[in-house]
Amino acid sequence: TLKELLYGIFLISANDAAEVLAEGATGDRDEFLKLMNIRAKQLGMNNTYFANPTGLDEERGNSYSSSYDLAILTRYLTGNYPEVVEISKTSHIYIERTDEHQDYDMYSGINLLTTYPGVVGFKTGYTPEAGLTLITLAQKNGHEVIGVLLGSQSRRDEARELLDYSFKKLGL
């Protein structure tokens, strides 16, 4: 299902699920990528280009983005698709085998879900070009913070510092 594919994408960066969604959304992967790039520009993501639906590095023509643009995208997703937040906040899910697919036992790569009060998701990543990446969504006392790390040396520790700083600035 669409929801199962999204669990795969958000919890374990299942690139095959991203490819299936891209092909299934329009019937044409290239058309999907064109629409992704158009939407990015509409959202004001002026330093972003999607070369593929996965974010993986290509031999040429890599996808790229900035921390600011990824924060815009995250705000758009969380504001317009709250079910994605529900999926990204899942620390573990087991999807049973069916006639259509094998079973999947998936754990989120965002260990802050269980170790930092207020973290409710969002997405980890890695490519050789971008390094360790993490978008964190946290909520506290009616405030919401989106933290974006690119090229991180220690996602968990750096995200914790970023969130501590942000909530301190908000007086929380």
C-alpha atoms as a PDB file:
ATOM      1  CA  THR A   1       0.000   0.000   0.000  1.00  0.00           C
ATOM      2  CA  LEU A   2       0.999   3.637  -0.248  1.00  0.00           C
ATOM      3  CA  LYS A   3       1.246   3.796   3.537  1.00  0.00           C
ATOM      4  CA  GLU A   4       3.526   0.749   3.682  1.00  0.00           C
ATOM      5  CA  LEU A   5       5.796   2.279   1.029  1.00  0.00           C
ATOM      6  CA  LEU A   6       5.968   5.498   3.053  1.00  0.00           C
ATOM      7  CA  TYR A   7       6.925   3.532   6.186  1.00  0.00           C
ATOM      8  CA  GLY A   8       9.770   2.020   4.186  1.00  0.00           C
ATOM      9  CA  ILE A   9      10.910   5.405   2.905  1.00  0.00           C
ATOM     10  CA  PHE A  10      10.755   7.203   6.252  1.00  0.00           C
ATOM     11  CA  LEU A  11      11.998   4.460   8.574  1.00  0.00           C
ATOM     12  CA  ILE A  12      14.736   2.753   6.573  1.00  0.00           C
ATOM     13  CA  SER A  13      15.236   4.933   3.477  1.00  0.00           C
ATOM     14  CA  ALA A  14      13.873   2.199   1.205  1.00  0.00           C
ATOM     15  CA  ASN A  15      14.958   3.529  -2.163  1.00  0.00           C
ATOM     16  CA  ASP A  16      13.040   0.831  -4.002  1.00  0.00           C
ATOM     17  CA  ALA A  17       9.848   2.155  -2.364  1.00  0.00           C
ATOM     18  CA  ALA A  18      10.667   5.694  -3.566  1.00  0.00           C
ATOM     19  CA  GLU A  19      11.118   4.386  -7.107  1.00  0.00           C
ATOM     20  CA  VAL A  20       7.810   2.504  -6.950  1.00  0.00           C
ATOM     21  CA  LEU A  21       6.011   5.658  -5.756  1.00  0.00           C
ATOM     22  CA  ALA A  22       7.585   7.763  -8.502  1.00  0.00           C
ATOM     23  CA  GLU A  23       6.580   5.329 -11.229  1.00  0.00           C
ATOM     24  CA  GLY A  24       3.140   4.715  -9.768  1.00  0.00           C
ATOM     25  CA  ALA A  25       2.226   8.367  -9.209  1.00  0.00           C
ATOM     26  CA  THR A  26       2.280   9.371 -12.871  1.00  0.00           C
ATOM     27  CA  GLY A  27       3.160   6.172 -14.712  1.00  0.00           C
ATOM     28  CA  ASP A  28       6.384   7.845 -15.850  1.00  0.00           C
ATOM     29  CA  ARG A  29       9.423   8.341 -13.609  1.00  0.00           C
ATOM     30  CA  ASP A  30      10.750  11.254 -15.692  1.00  0.00           C
ATOM     31  CA  GLU A  31       7.396  13.026 -15.521  1.00  0.00           C
ATOM     32  CA  PHE A  32       7.356  12.550 -11.747  1.00  0.00           C
ATOM     33  CA  LEU A  33      10.829  14.095 -11.446  1.00  0.00           C
ATOM     34  CA  LYS A  34       9.741  17.025 -13.608  1.00  0.00           C
ATOM     35  CA  LEU A  35       6.746  17.574 -11.320  1.00  0.00           C
ATOM     36  CA  MET A  36       8.964  17.276  -8.214  1.00  0.00           C
ATOM     37  CA  ASN A  37      11.238  20.021  -9.508  1.00  0.00           C
ATOM     38  CA  ILE A  38       8.322  22.242 -10.505  1.00  0.00           C
ATOM     39  CA  ARG A  39       6.782  21.878  -7.033  1.00  0.00           C
ATOM     40  CA  ALA A  40      10.129  22.627  -5.384  1.00  0.00           C
ATOM     41  CA  LYS A  41      10.314  25.939  -7.267  1.00  0.00           C
ATOM     42  CA  GLN A  42       6.669  26.732  -6.424  1.00  0.00           C
ATOM     43  CA  LEU A  43       7.492  26.242  -2.738  1.00  0.00           C
ATOM     44  CA  GLY A  44      10.460  28.615  -2.980  1.00  0.00           C
ATOM     45  CA  MET A  45      13.093  25.883  -2.832  1.00  0.00           C
ATOM     46  CA  ASN A  46      15.482  27.799  -5.061  1.00  0.00           C
ATOM     47  CA  ASN A  47      18.590  25.763  -4.201  1.00  0.00           C
ATOM     48  CA  THR A  48      17.120  22.333  -4.883  1.00  0.00           C
ATOM     49  CA  TYR A  49      17.186  19.938  -7.812  1.00  0.00           C
ATOM     50  CA  PHE A  50      15.837  16.381  -7.861  1.00  0.00           C
ATOM     51  CA  ALA A  51      17.740  14.074 -10.238  1.00  0.00           C
ATOM     52  CA  ASN A  52      15.905  10.989  -8.964  1.00  0.00           C
ATOM     53  CA  PRO A  53      13.177  10.107  -6.446  1.00  0.00           C
ATOM     54  CA  THR A  54      15.627   8.641  -3.907  1.00  0.00           C
ATOM     55  CA  GLY A  55      18.153  11.409  -3.292  1.00  0.00           C
ATOM     56  CA  LEU A  56      21.006   8.991  -3.975  1.00  0.00           C
ATOM     57  CA  ASP A  57      24.069  10.282  -5.797  1.00  0.00           C
ATOM     58  CA  GLU A  58      24.149   9.633  -9.544  1.00  0.00           C
ATOM     59  CA  GLU A  59      27.196   9.325 -11.782  1.00  0.00           C
ATOM     60  CA  ARG A  60      26.277  12.779 -13.088  1.00  0.00           C
ATOM     61  CA  GLY A  61      23.512  15.228 -12.366  1.00  0.00           C
ATOM     62  CA  ASN A  62      23.187  14.620  -8.618  1.00  0.00           C
ATOM     63  CA  SER A  63      20.234  15.836  -6.627  1.00  0.00           C
ATOM     64  CA  TYR A  64      21.060  18.723  -4.316  1.00  0.00           C
ATOM     65  CA  SER A  65      19.396  20.936  -1.764  1.00  0.00           C
ATOM     66  CA  SER A  66      20.116  23.298   1.106  1.00  0.00           C
ATOM     67  CA  SER A  67      19.190  23.137   4.772  1.00  0.00           C
ATOM     68  CA  TYR A  68      16.805  26.052   4.230  1.00  0.00           C
ATOM     69  CA  ASP A  69      15.070  24.362   1.298  1.00  0.00           C
ATOM     70  CA  LEU A  70      14.708  21.104   3.220  1.00  0.00           C
ATOM     71  CA  ALA A  71      13.113  23.035   6.090  1.00  0.00           C
ATOM     72  CA  ILE A  72      10.641  24.533   3.575  1.00  0.00           C
ATOM     73  CA  LEU A  73       9.844  21.058   2.264  1.00  0.00           C
ATOM     74  CA  THR A  74       9.408  19.660   5.767  1.00  0.00           C
ATOM     75  CA  ARG A  75       7.099  22.512   6.771  1.00  0.00           C
ATOM     76  CA  TYR A  76       5.043  21.932   3.609  1.00  0.00           C
ATOM     77  CA  LEU A  77       4.783  18.185   4.246  1.00  0.00           C
ATOM     78  CA  THR A  78       3.923  18.484   7.941  1.00  0.00           C
ATOM     79  CA  GLY A  79       1.349  21.194   7.291  1.00  0.00           C
ATOM     80  CA  ASN A  80      -0.367  19.517   4.360  1.00  0.00           C
ATOM     81  CA  TYR A  81       0.134  15.817   5.002  1.00  0.00           C
ATOM     82  CA  PRO A  82      -0.084  15.160   8.764  1.00  0.00           C
ATOM     83  CA  GLU A  83      -0.213  11.421   8.089  1.00  0.00           C
ATOM     84  CA  VAL A  84       3.454  11.675   7.061  1.00  0.00           C
ATOM     85  CA  VAL A  85       4.284  12.944  10.557  1.00  0.00           C
ATOM     86  CA  GLU A  86       2.466   9.934  12.016  1.00  0.00           C
ATOM     87  CA  ILE A  87       4.537   7.639   9.815  1.00  0.00           C
ATOM     88  CA  SER A  88       7.840   9.392  10.577  1.00  0.00           C
ATOM     89  CA  LYS A  89       7.239   9.238  14.342  1.00  0.00           C
ATOM     90  CA  THR A  90       7.009   5.452  14.245  1.00  0.00           C
ATOM     91  CA  SER A  91      10.064   3.933  15.914  1.00  0.00           C
ATOM     92  CA  HIS A  92       9.268   0.350  14.828  1.00  0.00           C
ATOM     93  CA  ILE A  93       6.790  -1.406  12.597  1.00  0.00           C
ATOM     94  CA  TYR A  94       6.365  -4.966  11.442  1.00  0.00           C
ATOM     95  CA  ILE A  95       4.526  -5.492   8.162  1.00  0.00           C
ATOM     96  CA  GLU A  96       3.451  -9.082   7.695  1.00  0.00           C
ATOM     97  CA  ARG A  97       4.129 -11.064   4.562  1.00  0.00           C
ATOM     98  CA  THR A  98       1.367 -11.182   1.985  1.00  0.00           C
ATOM     99  CA  ASP A  99       0.997 -12.791  -1.424  1.00  0.00           C
ATOM    100  CA  GLU A 100       2.334  -9.518  -2.879  1.00  0.00           C
ATOM    101  CA  HIS A 101       5.401  -8.965  -0.685  1.00  0.00           C
ATOM    102  CA  GLN A 102       7.747 -10.379   1.941  1.00  0.00           C
ATOM    103  CA  ASP A 103       7.540  -9.399   5.597  1.00  0.00           C
ATOM    104  CA  TYR A 104       9.323  -6.246   6.759  1.00  0.00           C
ATOM    105  CA  ASP A 105      10.636  -5.511  10.247  1.00  0.00           C
ATOM    106  CA  MET A 106      11.614  -1.833  10.191  1.00  0.00           C
ATOM    107  CA  TYR A 107      13.178   0.387  12.839  1.00  0.00           C
ATOM    108  CA  SER A 108      13.542   4.141  12.499  1.00  0.00           C
ATOM    109  CA  GLY A 109      17.037   5.545  12.179  1.00  0.00           C
ATOM    110  CA  ILE A 110      15.970   8.515  14.322  1.00  0.00           C
ATOM    111  CA  ASN A 111      16.972   7.301  17.769  1.00  0.00           C
ATOM    112  CA  LEU A 112      16.016  10.712  19.176  1.00  0.00           C
ATOM    113  CA  LEU A 113      12.400   9.525  18.917  1.00  0.00           C
ATOM    114  CA  THR A 114      12.933   7.583  22.120  1.00  0.00           C
ATOM    115  CA  THR A 115      15.723   9.614  23.745  1.00  0.00           C
ATOM    116  CA  TYR A 116      14.850  13.309  23.289  1.00  0.00           C
ATOM    117  CA  PRO A 117      11.524  14.535  24.726  1.00  0.00           C
ATOM    118  CA  GLY A 118       9.421  16.204  22.076  1.00  0.00           C
ATOM    119  CA  VAL A 119      10.997  14.666  18.969  1.00  0.00           C
ATOM    120  CA  VAL A 120       8.213  13.376  16.741  1.00  0.00           C
ATOM    121  CA  GLY A 121      10.061  12.431  13.557  1.00  0.00           C
ATOM    122  CA  PHE A 122      11.230  13.154  10.535  1.00  0.00           C
ATOM    123  CA  LYS A 123      13.933  11.671   8.233  1.00  0.00           C
ATOM    124  CA  THR A 124      17.541  10.454   8.186  1.00  0.00           C
ATOM    125  CA  GLY A 125      19.727  10.144   5.121  1.00  0.00           C
ATOM    126  CA  TYR A 126      23.199   9.553   3.805  1.00  0.00           C
ATOM    127  CA  THR A 127      25.077   9.887   0.547  1.00  0.00           C
ATOM    128  CA  PRO A 128      28.836  10.167   0.045  1.00  0.00           C
ATOM    129  CA  GLU A 129      28.340  13.719  -1.259  1.00  0.00           C
ATOM    130  CA  ALA A 130      25.931  14.933   1.466  1.00  0.00           C
ATOM    131  CA  GLY A 131      27.331  12.854   4.320  1.00  0.00           C
ATOM    132  CA  LEU A 132      25.110  12.023   7.272  1.00  0.00           C
ATOM    133  CA  THR A 133      21.894  14.034   7.155  1.00  0.00           C
ATOM    134  CA  LEU A 134      18.953  14.440   9.492  1.00  0.00           C
ATOM    135  CA  ILE A 135      15.761  16.418   9.481  1.00  0.00           C
ATOM    136  CA  THR A 136      14.264  16.481  12.968  1.00  0.00           C
ATOM    137  CA  LEU A 137      10.766  17.570  13.912  1.00  0.00           C
ATOM    138  CA  ALA A 138      10.223  18.384  17.585  1.00  0.00           C
ATOM    139  CA  GLN A 139       7.294  19.855  19.490  1.00  0.00           C
ATOM    140  CA  LYS A 140       7.212  21.384  22.946  1.00  0.00           C
ATOM    141  CA  ASN A 141       4.606  23.555  24.718  1.00  0.00           C
ATOM    142  CA  GLY A 142       2.818  24.448  21.491  1.00  0.00           C
ATOM    143  CA  HIS A 143       6.023  25.279  19.612  1.00  0.00           C
ATOM    144  CA  GLU A 144       7.447  23.300  16.727  1.00  0.00           C
ATOM    145  CA  VAL A 145      11.092  23.179  15.663  1.00  0.00           C
ATOM    146  CA  ILE A 146      12.465  21.774  12.434  1.00  0.00           C
ATOM    147  CA  GLY A 147      16.186  21.068  12.552  1.00  0.00           C
ATOM    148  CA  VAL A 148      18.147  20.234   9.406  1.00  0.00           C
ATOM    149  CA  LEU A 149      21.665  18.806   9.457  1.00  0.00           C
ATOM    150  CA  LEU A 150      23.717  18.151   6.346  1.00  0.00           C
ATOM    151  CA  GLY A 151      27.255  16.775   6.353  1.00  0.00           C
ATOM    152  CA  SER A 152      26.973  15.819   9.995  1.00  0.00           C
ATOM    153  CA  GLN A 153      29.717  14.016  11.890  1.00  0.00           C
ATOM    154  CA  SER A 154      27.327  12.886  14.645  1.00  0.00           C
ATOM    155  CA  ARG A 155      23.641  13.316  13.783  1.00  0.00           C
ATOM    156  CA  ARG A 156      22.293  12.481  17.216  1.00  0.00           C
ATOM    157  CA  ASP A 157      24.619  14.745  19.180  1.00  0.00           C
ATOM    158  CA  GLU A 158      24.415  17.635  16.709  1.00  0.00           C
ATOM    159  CA  ALA A 159      20.612  17.396  16.521  1.00  0.00           C
ATOM    160  CA  ARG A 160      20.407  17.379  20.311  1.00  0.00           C
ATOM    161  CA  GLU A 161      22.553  20.553  20.447  1.00  0.00           C
ATOM    162  CA  LEU A 162      20.443  22.219  17.749  1.00  0.00           C
ATOM    163  CA  LEU A 163      17.186  21.371  19.507  1.00  0.00           C
ATOM    164  CA  ASP A 164      18.505  22.445  22.924  1.00  0.00           C
ATOM    165  CA  TYR A 165      19.597  25.775  21.435  1.00  0.00           C
ATOM    166  CA  SER A 166      16.279  26.279  19.596  1.00  0.00           C
ATOM    167  CA  PHE A 167      14.088  25.519  22.591  1.00  0.00           C
ATOM    168  CA  LYS A 168      16.276  27.689  24.824  1.00  0.00           C
ATOM    169  CA  LYS A 169      15.845  30.589  22.365  1.00  0.00           C
ATOM    170  CA  LEU A 170      12.079  30.014  22.578  1.00  0.00           C
ATOM    171  CA  GLY A 171      12.307  30.160  26.375  1.00  0.00           C
ATOM    172  CA  LEU A 172      11.382  26.519  26.835  1.00  0.00           C
END
